[in-house]
Amino acid sequence: NKAEKLKVIIEDLFELTKLHQQGVRLNKSSISLSNLLNQLIEELMPLANEKQIEIETYIDTSNTNVCIDIGKMTRVFENLIENAIKYCPEGETIYVELKSIRNHLYVAVSNPTETIQEEEIDKFFERFYRADKSRNSSAGGSGLGLAIAKNIVELHSGEIKASLKHDLICFKVTLPKGEI
């Protein structure tokens, strides 16, 4: 187990290092972001079902084409949805929303939380930061997922933010629309 965890950390550190280098090449293609999100949610449903978690979607299907590196951006949304499932209390609901407004697409992934404090929000995108100290060893992962996600989104001229409203944590990604 420790060897596997170390392998994940090393791979994630390598990925983060590559993303920080100048001249990172993105292999961009035009894709429907609504189709990508729906496919990811479908793939992650078994994980949610294990914790009796519902995933409610509010996904705009019109005018959601975006020019992205599909592999890298899939990693971003997979990370956000997996984190929501991992840290959502059992039996609760996760919300995934996609809106198209003017020249941008907005994706929000939200889940109830019992452990996050407002002052922790700014630290989420730091390397190795984990908000839930009690789950550090059992939750898996490297603590680098959100730092990697932030770098990927910014390479796409986008923005990623986190906010806390009452007991709901929300991660919002903004991407410019467009075709190749």
N, C-alpha and C. Protein backbone atom coordinates (compact mmCIF):
# COMPACT_ATOMS: atom_id res chain seq x y z
N ASN A 1 0.82 -1.21 0.00
CA ASN A 1 0.00 0.00 0.00
C ASN A 1 0.85 1.26 0.00
N LYS A 2 1.88 1.26 0.83
CA LYS A 2 2.74 2.45 0.90
C LYS A 2 3.48 2.66 -0.41
N ALA A 3 3.89 1.58 -1.05
CA ALA A 3 4.57 1.70 -2.34
C ALA A 3 3.62 2.28 -3.39
N GLU A 4 2.36 1.84 -3.38
CA GLU A 4 1.37 2.37 -4.32
C GLU A 4 1.12 3.86 -4.08
N LYS A 5 1.00 4.25 -2.80
CA LYS A 5 0.79 5.66 -2.47
C LYS A 5 1.98 6.51 -2.91
N LEU A 6 3.17 5.98 -2.69
CA LEU A 6 4.39 6.69 -3.10
C LEU A 6 4.43 6.84 -4.62
N LYS A 7 4.02 5.80 -5.33
CA LYS A 7 3.99 5.85 -6.79
C LYS A 7 3.04 6.95 -7.27
N VAL A 8 1.86 7.06 -6.65
CA VAL A 8 0.88 8.09 -7.02
C VAL A 8 1.46 9.48 -6.77
N ILE A 9 2.12 9.66 -5.63
CA ILE A 9 2.71 10.96 -5.31
C ILE A 9 3.79 11.33 -6.32
N ILE A 10 4.64 10.37 -6.66
CA ILE A 10 5.72 10.64 -7.61
C ILE A 10 5.16 10.99 -8.98
N GLU A 11 4.16 10.24 -9.44
CA GLU A 11 3.54 10.53 -10.74
C GLU A 11 2.88 11.90 -10.74
N ASP A 12 2.19 12.24 -9.66
CA ASP A 12 1.54 13.55 -9.59
C ASP A 12 2.56 14.69 -9.51
N LEU A 13 3.64 14.49 -8.77
CA LEU A 13 4.69 15.50 -8.71
C LEU A 13 5.32 15.71 -10.08
N PHE A 14 5.54 14.61 -10.80
CA PHE A 14 6.10 14.70 -12.14
C PHE A 14 5.15 15.49 -13.05
N GLU A 15 3.86 15.20 -12.97
CA GLU A 15 2.86 15.90 -13.79
C GLU A 15 2.84 17.39 -13.44
N LEU A 16 2.85 17.71 -12.16
CA LEU A 16 2.84 19.11 -11.73
C LEU A 16 4.09 19.84 -12.22
N THR A 17 5.24 19.18 -12.15
CA THR A 17 6.49 19.78 -12.63
C THR A 17 6.40 20.06 -14.13
N LYS A 18 5.87 19.11 -14.89
CA LYS A 18 5.71 19.31 -16.34
C LYS A 18 4.80 20.50 -16.63
N LEU A 19 3.71 20.64 -15.86
CA LEU A 19 2.76 21.72 -16.09
C LEU A 19 3.35 23.09 -15.79
N HIS A 20 4.35 23.14 -14.90
CA HIS A 20 4.97 24.41 -14.53
C HIS A 20 6.04 24.85 -15.54
N GLN A 21 6.47 23.96 -16.41
CA GLN A 21 7.50 24.30 -17.37
C GLN A 21 6.96 25.22 -18.46
N GLN A 22 7.83 26.07 -18.96
CA GLN A 22 7.46 26.94 -20.07
C GLN A 22 7.22 26.11 -21.32
N GLY A 23 6.31 26.54 -22.13
CA GLY A 23 6.10 25.89 -23.41
C GLY A 23 5.37 24.56 -23.34
N VAL A 24 4.56 24.36 -22.31
CA VAL A 24 3.78 23.13 -22.23
C VAL A 24 2.86 23.08 -23.43
N ARG A 25 2.89 21.95 -24.13
CA ARG A 25 2.06 21.81 -25.33
C ARG A 25 0.75 21.15 -24.97
N LEU A 26 -0.32 21.79 -25.40
CA LEU A 26 -1.65 21.22 -25.22
C LEU A 26 -2.09 20.61 -26.55
N ASN A 27 -2.65 19.44 -26.50
CA ASN A 27 -3.18 18.77 -27.69
C ASN A 27 -4.68 19.07 -27.74
N LYS A 28 -5.03 20.25 -28.26
CA LYS A 28 -6.41 20.72 -28.20
C LYS A 28 -7.28 20.15 -29.31
N SER A 29 -8.51 19.85 -28.93
CA SER A 29 -9.55 19.41 -29.86
C SER A 29 -10.84 20.08 -29.44
N SER A 30 -11.74 20.21 -30.39
CA SER A 30 -13.06 20.75 -30.08
C SER A 30 -13.95 19.62 -29.59
N ILE A 31 -14.66 19.87 -28.49
CA ILE A 31 -15.50 18.84 -27.88
C ILE A 31 -16.69 19.51 -27.21
N SER A 32 -17.76 18.76 -27.07
CA SER A 32 -18.91 19.22 -26.30
C SER A 32 -18.63 18.94 -24.83
N LEU A 33 -18.52 19.99 -24.06
CA LEU A 33 -18.23 19.83 -22.63
C LEU A 33 -19.38 19.11 -21.92
N SER A 34 -20.60 19.32 -22.39
CA SER A 34 -21.75 18.63 -21.77
C SER A 34 -21.62 17.13 -21.97
N ASN A 35 -21.21 16.67 -23.15
CA ASN A 35 -21.01 15.24 -23.39
C ASN A 35 -19.90 14.67 -22.51
N LEU A 36 -18.80 15.41 -22.38
CA LEU A 36 -17.68 14.97 -21.56
C LEU A 36 -18.12 14.81 -20.10
N LEU A 37 -18.81 15.81 -19.56
CA LEU A 37 -19.26 15.75 -18.17
C LEU A 37 -20.24 14.60 -17.95
N ASN A 38 -21.19 14.44 -18.85
CA ASN A 38 -22.16 13.35 -18.70
C ASN A 38 -21.47 11.98 -18.72
N GLN A 39 -20.48 11.83 -19.59
CA GLN A 39 -19.74 10.57 -19.66
C GLN A 39 -18.97 10.31 -18.37
N LEU A 40 -18.29 11.34 -17.84
CA LEU A 40 -17.54 11.19 -16.60
C LEU A 40 -18.45 10.83 -15.44
N ILE A 41 -19.59 11.49 -15.36
CA ILE A 41 -20.54 11.20 -14.27
C ILE A 41 -21.01 9.76 -14.36
N GLU A 42 -21.31 9.30 -15.56
CA GLU A 42 -21.74 7.92 -15.76
C GLU A 42 -20.65 6.94 -15.29
N GLU A 43 -19.40 7.23 -15.62
CA GLU A 43 -18.29 6.37 -15.23
C GLU A 43 -18.07 6.35 -13.72
N LEU A 44 -18.38 7.47 -13.05
CA LEU A 44 -18.13 7.57 -11.60
C LEU A 44 -19.34 7.18 -10.75
N MET A 45 -20.46 6.87 -11.38
CA MET A 45 -21.66 6.49 -10.63
C MET A 45 -21.45 5.30 -9.70
N PRO A 46 -20.73 4.24 -10.10
CA PRO A 46 -20.52 3.13 -9.17
C PRO A 46 -19.83 3.55 -7.87
N LEU A 47 -18.89 4.48 -7.98
CA LEU A 47 -18.21 5.00 -6.80
C LEU A 47 -19.19 5.75 -5.89
N ALA A 48 -20.06 6.53 -6.50
CA ALA A 48 -21.08 7.27 -5.73
C ALA A 48 -22.09 6.30 -5.11
N ASN A 49 -22.48 5.29 -5.86
CA ASN A 49 -23.46 4.33 -5.37
C ASN A 49 -22.96 3.58 -4.13
N GLU A 50 -21.65 3.34 -4.06
CA GLU A 50 -21.08 2.67 -2.89
C GLU A 50 -21.36 3.43 -1.60
N LYS A 51 -21.46 4.75 -1.69
CA LYS A 51 -21.72 5.58 -0.51
C LYS A 51 -23.16 6.10 -0.48
N GLN A 52 -24.03 5.51 -1.31
CA GLN A 52 -25.43 5.95 -1.43
C GLN A 52 -25.52 7.45 -1.69
N ILE A 53 -24.66 7.93 -2.56
CA ILE A 53 -24.62 9.34 -2.93
C ILE A 53 -25.34 9.53 -4.26
N GLU A 54 -26.23 10.49 -4.30
CA GLU A 54 -26.91 10.87 -5.55
C GLU A 54 -26.07 11.94 -6.23
N ILE A 55 -26.10 11.94 -7.55
CA ILE A 55 -25.47 13.01 -8.32
C ILE A 55 -26.56 13.68 -9.14
N GLU A 56 -26.87 14.92 -8.78
CA GLU A 56 -27.85 15.71 -9.52
C GLU A 56 -27.10 16.56 -10.53
N THR A 57 -27.60 16.56 -11.77
CA THR A 57 -26.94 17.34 -12.80
C THR A 57 -27.88 18.41 -13.35
N TYR A 58 -27.30 19.54 -13.63
CA TYR A 58 -27.96 20.65 -14.29
C TYR A 58 -27.03 21.05 -15.43
N ILE A 59 -27.09 20.30 -16.52
CA ILE A 59 -26.13 20.47 -17.58
C ILE A 59 -26.80 21.03 -18.83
N ASP A 60 -26.39 22.26 -19.17
CA ASP A 60 -26.84 22.90 -20.39
C ASP A 60 -26.21 22.13 -21.55
N THR A 61 -27.02 21.70 -22.51
CA THR A 61 -26.49 20.91 -23.61
C THR A 61 -26.34 21.73 -24.90
N SER A 62 -26.76 22.97 -24.87
CA SER A 62 -26.66 23.78 -26.08
C SER A 62 -25.45 24.70 -26.02
N ASN A 63 -24.75 24.78 -27.13
CA ASN A 63 -23.64 25.71 -27.25
C ASN A 63 -22.56 25.48 -26.19
N THR A 64 -22.14 24.21 -26.02
CA THR A 64 -21.13 23.91 -25.01
C THR A 64 -19.82 23.42 -25.61
N ASN A 65 -19.58 23.76 -26.87
CA ASN A 65 -18.31 23.37 -27.49
C ASN A 65 -17.17 24.19 -26.93
N VAL A 66 -16.08 23.50 -26.70
CA VAL A 66 -14.90 24.14 -26.14
C VAL A 66 -13.68 23.49 -26.78
N CYS A 67 -12.62 24.26 -26.92
CA CYS A 67 -11.37 23.74 -27.50
C CYS A 67 -10.41 23.49 -26.34
N ILE A 68 -10.19 22.21 -26.03
CA ILE A 68 -9.38 21.84 -24.86
C ILE A 68 -8.48 20.66 -25.18
N ASP A 69 -7.50 20.46 -24.32
CA ASP A 69 -6.74 19.22 -24.32
C ASP A 69 -7.63 18.25 -23.54
N ILE A 70 -8.27 17.34 -24.26
CA ILE A 70 -9.31 16.50 -23.66
C ILE A 70 -8.77 15.67 -22.50
N GLY A 71 -7.60 15.08 -22.67
CA GLY A 71 -7.02 14.26 -21.60
C GLY A 71 -6.76 15.05 -20.33
N LYS A 72 -6.16 16.22 -20.49
CA LYS A 72 -5.83 17.04 -19.32
C LYS A 72 -7.10 17.58 -18.64
N MET A 73 -8.05 18.05 -19.45
CA MET A 73 -9.26 18.62 -18.86
C MET A 73 -10.15 17.53 -18.26
N THR A 74 -10.10 16.34 -18.82
CA THR A 74 -10.82 15.21 -18.21
C THR A 74 -10.28 14.97 -16.82
N ARG A 75 -8.97 15.08 -16.67
CA ARG A 75 -8.36 14.89 -15.36
C ARG A 75 -8.89 15.91 -14.35
N VAL A 76 -9.08 17.14 -14.79
CA VAL A 76 -9.59 18.20 -13.91
C VAL A 76 -10.98 17.82 -13.39
N PHE A 77 -11.90 17.52 -14.31
CA PHE A 77 -13.27 17.25 -13.90
C PHE A 77 -13.41 15.92 -13.16
N GLU A 78 -12.61 14.95 -13.55
CA GLU A 78 -12.59 13.68 -12.84
C GLU A 78 -12.14 13.90 -11.40
N ASN A 79 -11.10 14.71 -11.22
CA ASN A 79 -10.60 15.02 -9.88
C ASN A 79 -11.67 15.71 -9.03
N LEU A 80 -12.35 16.69 -9.62
CA LEU A 80 -13.37 17.43 -8.87
C LEU A 80 -14.53 16.53 -8.46
N ILE A 81 -14.99 15.69 -9.39
CA ILE A 81 -16.14 14.82 -9.08
C ILE A 81 -15.73 13.72 -8.12
N GLU A 82 -14.54 13.12 -8.31
CA GLU A 82 -14.07 12.09 -7.38
C GLU A 82 -13.89 12.66 -5.98
N ASN A 83 -13.33 13.87 -5.87
CA ASN A 83 -13.19 14.51 -4.56
C ASN A 83 -14.55 14.74 -3.91
N ALA A 84 -15.51 15.18 -4.71
CA ALA A 84 -16.86 15.41 -4.18
C ALA A 84 -17.43 14.11 -3.62
N ILE A 85 -17.25 13.02 -4.33
CA ILE A 85 -17.74 11.72 -3.86
C ILE A 85 -16.97 11.29 -2.62
N LYS A 86 -15.66 11.43 -2.66
CA LYS A 86 -14.80 10.98 -1.57
C LYS A 86 -15.12 11.70 -0.25
N TYR A 87 -15.37 13.00 -0.34
CA TYR A 87 -15.54 13.79 0.88
C TYR A 87 -16.98 14.14 1.22
N CYS A 88 -17.92 13.73 0.38
CA CYS A 88 -19.33 13.96 0.66
C CYS A 88 -19.81 12.95 1.72
N PRO A 89 -20.56 13.40 2.72
CA PRO A 89 -21.09 12.44 3.69
C PRO A 89 -22.00 11.42 3.01
N GLU A 90 -21.96 10.21 3.51
CA GLU A 90 -22.76 9.13 2.95
C GLU A 90 -24.25 9.51 2.92
N GLY A 91 -24.90 9.15 1.82
CA GLY A 91 -26.33 9.38 1.68
C GLY A 91 -26.72 10.78 1.24
N GLU A 92 -25.76 11.64 0.96
CA GLU A 92 -26.04 13.02 0.55
C GLU A 92 -26.08 13.14 -0.98
N THR A 93 -26.14 14.37 -1.47
CA THR A 93 -26.24 14.62 -2.91
C THR A 93 -25.12 15.55 -3.36
N ILE A 94 -24.54 15.21 -4.52
CA ILE A 94 -23.53 16.03 -5.18
C ILE A 94 -24.24 16.72 -6.35
N TYR A 95 -23.83 17.94 -6.63
CA TYR A 95 -24.44 18.71 -7.71
C TYR A 95 -23.37 19.05 -8.74
N VAL A 96 -23.67 18.76 -10.02
CA VAL A 96 -22.78 19.12 -11.12
C VAL A 96 -23.58 19.98 -12.07
N GLU A 97 -23.05 21.17 -12.35
CA GLU A 97 -23.77 22.14 -13.17
C GLU A 97 -22.86 22.65 -14.28
N LEU A 98 -23.44 22.80 -15.47
CA LEU A 98 -22.75 23.40 -16.61
C LEU A 98 -23.65 24.46 -17.20
N LYS A 99 -23.13 25.68 -17.27
CA LYS A 99 -23.87 26.80 -17.87
C LYS A 99 -23.04 27.41 -18.98
N SER A 100 -23.74 27.85 -20.00
CA SER A 100 -23.12 28.56 -21.11
C SER A 100 -23.62 30.00 -21.04
N ILE A 101 -22.68 30.93 -20.81
CA ILE A 101 -23.04 32.35 -20.74
C ILE A 101 -22.06 33.12 -21.61
N ARG A 102 -22.62 33.76 -22.63
CA ARG A 102 -21.83 34.53 -23.60
C ARG A 102 -20.65 33.72 -24.11
N ASN A 103 -19.43 34.15 -23.86
CA ASN A 103 -18.25 33.52 -24.43
C ASN A 103 -17.57 32.52 -23.50
N HIS A 104 -18.25 32.14 -22.42
CA HIS A 104 -17.62 31.24 -21.44
C HIS A 104 -18.55 30.09 -21.05
N LEU A 105 -17.92 29.02 -20.60
CA LEU A 105 -18.63 27.89 -19.99
C LEU A 105 -18.26 27.85 -18.53
N TYR A 106 -19.26 27.61 -17.70
CA TYR A 106 -19.06 27.58 -16.26
C TYR A 106 -19.48 26.21 -15.74
N VAL A 107 -18.56 25.53 -15.06
CA VAL A 107 -18.84 24.23 -14.48
C VAL A 107 -18.70 24.38 -12.97
N ALA A 108 -19.69 23.88 -12.25
CA ALA A 108 -19.64 23.89 -10.78
C ALA A 108 -19.88 22.48 -10.27
N VAL A 109 -19.02 22.04 -9.36
CA VAL A 109 -19.17 20.76 -8.70
C VAL A 109 -19.26 21.06 -7.21
N SER A 110 -20.40 20.70 -6.60
CA SER A 110 -20.66 21.03 -5.20
C SER A 110 -21.05 19.80 -4.42
N ASN A 111 -20.69 19.80 -3.15
CA ASN A 111 -21.11 18.72 -2.26
C ASN A 111 -21.19 19.22 -0.82
N PRO A 112 -22.06 18.60 -0.02
CA PRO A 112 -22.12 18.95 1.39
C PRO A 112 -20.80 18.58 2.08
N THR A 113 -20.45 19.34 3.08
CA THR A 113 -19.25 19.05 3.86
C THR A 113 -19.52 19.33 5.32
N GLU A 114 -18.86 18.57 6.16
CA GLU A 114 -19.02 18.78 7.61
C GLU A 114 -17.73 19.26 8.25
N THR A 115 -16.65 19.29 7.47
CA THR A 115 -15.34 19.50 8.09
C THR A 115 -14.57 20.72 7.60
N ILE A 116 -15.03 21.38 6.56
CA ILE A 116 -14.23 22.46 5.97
C ILE A 116 -14.58 23.81 6.59
N GLN A 117 -13.54 24.58 6.88
CA GLN A 117 -13.70 25.91 7.44
C GLN A 117 -13.42 26.95 6.36
N GLU A 118 -14.05 28.11 6.47
CA GLU A 118 -13.90 29.20 5.47
C GLU A 118 -12.44 29.57 5.23
N GLU A 119 -11.63 29.60 6.29
CA GLU A 119 -10.23 30.02 6.13
C GLU A 119 -9.37 29.00 5.37
N GLU A 120 -9.88 27.80 5.17
CA GLU A 120 -9.13 26.78 4.44
C GLU A 120 -9.28 26.92 2.92
N ILE A 121 -10.29 27.61 2.46
CA ILE A 121 -10.63 27.67 1.03
C ILE A 121 -9.43 28.13 0.19
N ASP A 122 -8.72 29.16 0.62
CA ASP A 122 -7.60 29.69 -0.17
C ASP A 122 -6.44 28.70 -0.28
N LYS A 123 -6.38 27.71 0.61
CA LYS A 123 -5.26 26.77 0.62
C LYS A 123 -5.51 25.54 -0.26
N PHE A 124 -6.72 25.35 -0.74
CA PHE A 124 -7.06 24.14 -1.47
C PHE A 124 -6.17 23.86 -2.67
N PHE A 125 -5.69 24.88 -3.33
CA PHE A 125 -4.93 24.69 -4.56
C PHE A 125 -3.43 24.66 -4.32
N GLU A 126 -3.02 24.62 -3.04
CA GLU A 126 -1.60 24.49 -2.70
C GLU A 126 -1.21 23.02 -2.76
N ARG A 127 0.04 22.77 -3.13
CA ARG A 127 0.53 21.40 -3.18
C ARG A 127 0.47 20.76 -1.80
N PHE A 128 0.04 19.52 -1.75
CA PHE A 128 -0.03 18.66 -0.57
C PHE A 128 -1.04 19.11 0.48
N TYR A 129 -1.85 20.13 0.21
CA TYR A 129 -2.82 20.57 1.20
C TYR A 129 -4.02 19.65 1.20
N ARG A 130 -4.44 19.26 2.40
CA ARG A 130 -5.66 18.47 2.56
C ARG A 130 -6.47 19.09 3.68
N ALA A 131 -7.71 19.36 3.36
CA ALA A 131 -8.58 20.02 4.34
C ALA A 131 -8.99 19.06 5.45
N ASP A 132 -9.25 17.81 5.09
CA ASP A 132 -9.75 16.84 6.06
C ASP A 132 -8.57 16.08 6.66
N LYS A 133 -8.02 16.63 7.74
CA LYS A 133 -6.83 16.05 8.37
C LYS A 133 -7.04 14.62 8.85
N SER A 134 -8.25 14.31 9.29
CA SER A 134 -8.51 12.98 9.83
C SER A 134 -8.50 11.91 8.75
N ARG A 135 -8.65 12.30 7.47
CA ARG A 135 -8.71 11.32 6.40
C ARG A 135 -7.43 11.29 5.57
N ASN A 136 -6.41 11.99 6.00
CA ASN A 136 -5.22 12.09 5.16
C ASN A 136 -4.69 10.75 4.69
N SER A 137 -4.60 9.78 5.57
CA SER A 137 -4.02 8.52 5.15
C SER A 137 -5.04 7.59 4.52
N SER A 138 -6.28 7.67 4.91
CA SER A 138 -7.26 6.73 4.40
C SER A 138 -7.94 7.19 3.11
N ALA A 139 -7.91 8.47 2.82
CA ALA A 139 -8.63 8.97 1.65
C ALA A 139 -7.90 8.69 0.34
N GLY A 140 -6.63 8.37 0.42
CA GLY A 140 -5.88 8.12 -0.81
C GLY A 140 -5.50 9.42 -1.48
N GLY A 141 -4.89 9.31 -2.65
CA GLY A 141 -4.49 10.49 -3.37
C GLY A 141 -3.18 11.05 -2.86
N SER A 142 -2.71 12.07 -3.56
CA SER A 142 -1.39 12.62 -3.25
C SER A 142 -1.45 13.99 -2.59
N GLY A 143 -2.63 14.62 -2.57
CA GLY A 143 -2.71 15.99 -2.09
C GLY A 143 -2.28 16.98 -3.16
N LEU A 144 -2.13 16.50 -4.40
CA LEU A 144 -1.68 17.35 -5.50
C LEU A 144 -2.77 17.57 -6.55
N GLY A 145 -3.87 16.88 -6.45
CA GLY A 145 -4.91 16.91 -7.48
C GLY A 145 -5.43 18.30 -7.80
N LEU A 146 -5.72 19.09 -6.80
CA LEU A 146 -6.27 20.43 -7.05
C LEU A 146 -5.20 21.39 -7.56
N ALA A 147 -3.96 21.20 -7.13
CA ALA A 147 -2.86 22.03 -7.66
C ALA A 147 -2.67 21.73 -9.15
N ILE A 148 -2.73 20.46 -9.52
CA ILE A 148 -2.62 20.06 -10.92
C ILE A 148 -3.82 20.61 -11.71
N ALA A 149 -5.02 20.47 -11.14
CA ALA A 149 -6.23 20.98 -11.81
C ALA A 149 -6.11 22.48 -12.08
N LYS A 150 -5.63 23.22 -11.12
CA LYS A 150 -5.49 24.68 -11.28
C LYS A 150 -4.54 25.00 -12.43
N ASN A 151 -3.42 24.30 -12.49
CA ASN A 151 -2.46 24.53 -13.56
C ASN A 151 -3.06 24.21 -14.93
N ILE A 152 -3.78 23.12 -15.02
CA ILE A 152 -4.39 22.72 -16.29
C ILE A 152 -5.42 23.75 -16.74
N VAL A 153 -6.28 24.17 -15.82
CA VAL A 153 -7.31 25.16 -16.16
C VAL A 153 -6.66 26.46 -16.61
N GLU A 154 -5.64 26.90 -15.91
CA GLU A 154 -4.98 28.16 -16.28
C GLU A 154 -4.27 28.05 -17.63
N LEU A 155 -3.74 26.86 -17.97
CA LEU A 155 -3.13 26.66 -19.29
C LEU A 155 -4.17 26.80 -20.40
N HIS A 156 -5.43 26.60 -20.07
CA HIS A 156 -6.53 26.75 -21.03
C HIS A 156 -7.16 28.14 -20.96
N SER A 157 -6.45 29.09 -20.36
CA SER A 157 -6.94 30.47 -20.18
C SER A 157 -8.23 30.52 -19.37
N GLY A 158 -8.35 29.59 -18.46
CA GLY A 158 -9.53 29.52 -17.59
C GLY A 158 -9.20 29.86 -16.16
N GLU A 159 -10.17 29.64 -15.31
CA GLU A 159 -10.03 29.97 -13.90
C GLU A 159 -10.75 28.90 -13.07
N ILE A 160 -10.18 28.56 -11.93
CA ILE A 160 -10.82 27.63 -11.00
C ILE A 160 -10.80 28.27 -9.62
N LYS A 161 -11.95 28.20 -8.95
CA LYS A 161 -12.09 28.78 -7.61
C LYS A 161 -12.89 27.83 -6.73
N ALA A 162 -12.74 28.01 -5.44
CA ALA A 162 -13.54 27.26 -4.48
C ALA A 162 -14.26 28.24 -3.59
N SER A 163 -15.46 27.85 -3.15
CA SER A 163 -16.21 28.69 -2.22
C SER A 163 -16.98 27.79 -1.27
N LEU A 164 -17.32 28.36 -0.13
CA LEU A 164 -18.07 27.63 0.90
C LEU A 164 -19.29 28.46 1.27
N LYS A 165 -20.45 27.86 1.13
CA LYS A 165 -21.69 28.55 1.52
C LYS A 165 -22.45 27.61 2.43
N HIS A 166 -22.56 28.01 3.68
CA HIS A 166 -23.16 27.17 4.72
C HIS A 166 -22.38 25.86 4.78
N ASP A 167 -22.99 24.74 4.46
CA ASP A 167 -22.26 23.47 4.52
C ASP A 167 -22.04 22.87 3.14
N LEU A 168 -21.97 23.74 2.12
CA LEU A 168 -21.79 23.27 0.74
C LEU A 168 -20.49 23.84 0.18
N ILE A 169 -19.57 22.94 -0.20
CA ILE A 169 -18.33 23.36 -0.84
C ILE A 169 -18.55 23.29 -2.35
N CYS A 170 -18.09 24.32 -3.05
CA CYS A 170 -18.31 24.40 -4.49
C CYS A 170 -17.01 24.76 -5.21
N PHE A 171 -16.68 23.97 -6.21
CA PHE A 171 -15.54 24.26 -7.07
C PHE A 171 -16.08 24.71 -8.41
N LYS A 172 -15.65 25.89 -8.87
CA LYS A 172 -16.15 26.47 -10.11
C LYS A 172 -15.01 26.62 -11.11
N VAL A 173 -15.25 26.12 -12.32
CA VAL A 173 -14.28 26.23 -13.40
C VAL A 173 -14.90 27.08 -14.50
N THR A 174 -14.16 28.07 -14.96
CA THR A 174 -14.59 28.92 -16.07
C THR A 174 -13.62 28.70 -17.23
N LEU A 175 -14.20 28.40 -18.40
CA LEU A 175 -13.40 28.18 -19.60
C LEU A 175 -13.94 29.01 -20.76
N PRO A 176 -13.06 29.52 -21.61
CA PRO A 176 -13.55 30.22 -22.79
C PRO A 176 -14.13 29.23 -23.78
N LYS A 177 -15.25 29.60 -24.41
CA LYS A 177 -15.86 28.76 -25.45
C LYS A 177 -15.00 28.83 -26.68
N GLY A 178 -15.27 27.92 -27.59
CA GLY A 178 -14.62 28.03 -28.89
C GLY A 178 -14.35 26.72 -29.56
N GLU A 179 -14.09 26.85 -30.82
CA GLU A 179 -13.71 25.73 -31.67
C GLU A 179 -12.25 25.95 -32.06
N ILE A 180 -11.68 24.97 -32.71
CA ILE A 180 -10.30 25.11 -33.17
C ILE A 180 -10.25 26.12 -34.29
